[in-house]
Amino acid sequence: MTLSNAVQVFAGTMILVALLLGAFVSEGLGFGLMLFIAINLIQSAFTGFCPAAMVLKKLPFVKA
């Protein structure tokens, strides 16, 4: 799996987690997590700095 694909899978999974959190636990927590994810995706598009990519690079099945 490429690093770009891994980041997309991670972001999509986190959005699903945020939706489930908002639906079943707390709307505020779900929306807060979705806001954090959105801001992180936007800033990484402009700056090229992605904390998730730094972590995912260390996984053995992710090719940089």
Protein backbone atom coordinates (compact mmCIF):
# COMPACT_ATOMS: atom_id res chain seq x y z
CA MET A 1 0.00 0.00 0.00
CA THR A 2 1.33 3.43 -0.87
CA LEU A 3 1.65 6.15 1.74
CA SER A 4 -0.99 8.25 -0.01
CA ASN A 5 -3.48 5.38 0.05
CA ALA A 6 -2.71 4.67 3.70
CA VAL A 7 -3.39 8.30 4.64
CA GLN A 8 -6.69 8.23 2.75
CA VAL A 9 -7.76 5.00 4.46
CA PHE A 10 -6.79 6.42 7.85
CA ALA A 11 -8.67 9.69 7.26
CA GLY A 12 -11.78 7.86 6.04
CA THR A 13 -11.70 5.52 9.01
CA MET A 14 -11.36 8.43 11.43
CA ILE A 15 -14.33 10.18 9.82
CA LEU A 16 -16.43 7.02 10.24
CA VAL A 17 -15.33 6.81 13.87
CA ALA A 18 -16.31 10.46 14.36
CA LEU A 19 -19.73 9.84 12.81
CA LEU A 20 -20.35 6.84 15.06
CA LEU A 21 -19.11 8.76 18.08
CA GLY A 22 -21.48 11.62 17.26
CA ALA A 23 -24.43 9.30 16.67
CA PHE A 24 -24.07 7.03 19.68
CA VAL A 25 -21.98 8.81 22.32
CA SER A 26 -21.88 12.58 22.06
CA GLU A 27 -22.65 14.91 19.19
CA GLY A 28 -20.12 17.41 20.49
CA LEU A 29 -17.29 14.87 20.52
CA GLY A 30 -18.18 13.60 17.07
CA PHE A 31 -18.34 17.07 15.55
CA GLY A 32 -15.15 18.08 17.35
CA LEU A 33 -13.27 15.10 15.96
CA MET A 34 -14.61 15.76 12.45
CA LEU A 35 -13.54 19.40 12.73
CA PHE A 36 -10.03 18.33 13.80
CA ILE A 37 -9.79 15.88 10.89
CA ALA A 38 -10.98 18.49 8.38
CA ILE A 39 -8.54 21.15 9.62
CA ASN A 40 -5.69 18.63 9.54
CA LEU A 41 -6.52 17.57 5.95
CA ILE A 42 -6.72 21.19 4.79
CA GLN A 43 -3.47 22.25 6.43
CA SER A 44 -1.63 19.20 5.09
CA ALA A 45 -2.77 20.06 1.55
CA PHE A 46 -1.27 23.55 1.86
CA THR A 47 1.86 22.81 3.92
CA GLY A 48 2.74 19.24 2.98
CA PHE A 49 3.08 18.39 6.69
CA CYS A 50 0.94 15.41 7.70
CA PRO A 51 1.38 13.90 11.17
CA ALA A 52 -0.56 10.79 10.15
CA ALA A 53 1.84 10.17 7.25
CA MET A 54 4.79 10.38 9.61
CA VAL A 55 3.30 7.64 11.79
CA LEU A 56 2.05 5.49 8.90
CA LYS A 57 5.50 5.52 7.24
CA LYS A 58 6.79 3.40 10.11
CA LEU A 59 4.35 0.57 9.42
CA PRO A 60 5.88 -2.38 7.55
CA PHE A 61 3.15 -2.67 4.90
CA VAL A 62 3.23 1.01 3.85
CA LYS A 63 5.61 1.94 1.05
CA ALA A 64 6.89 5.51 1.13
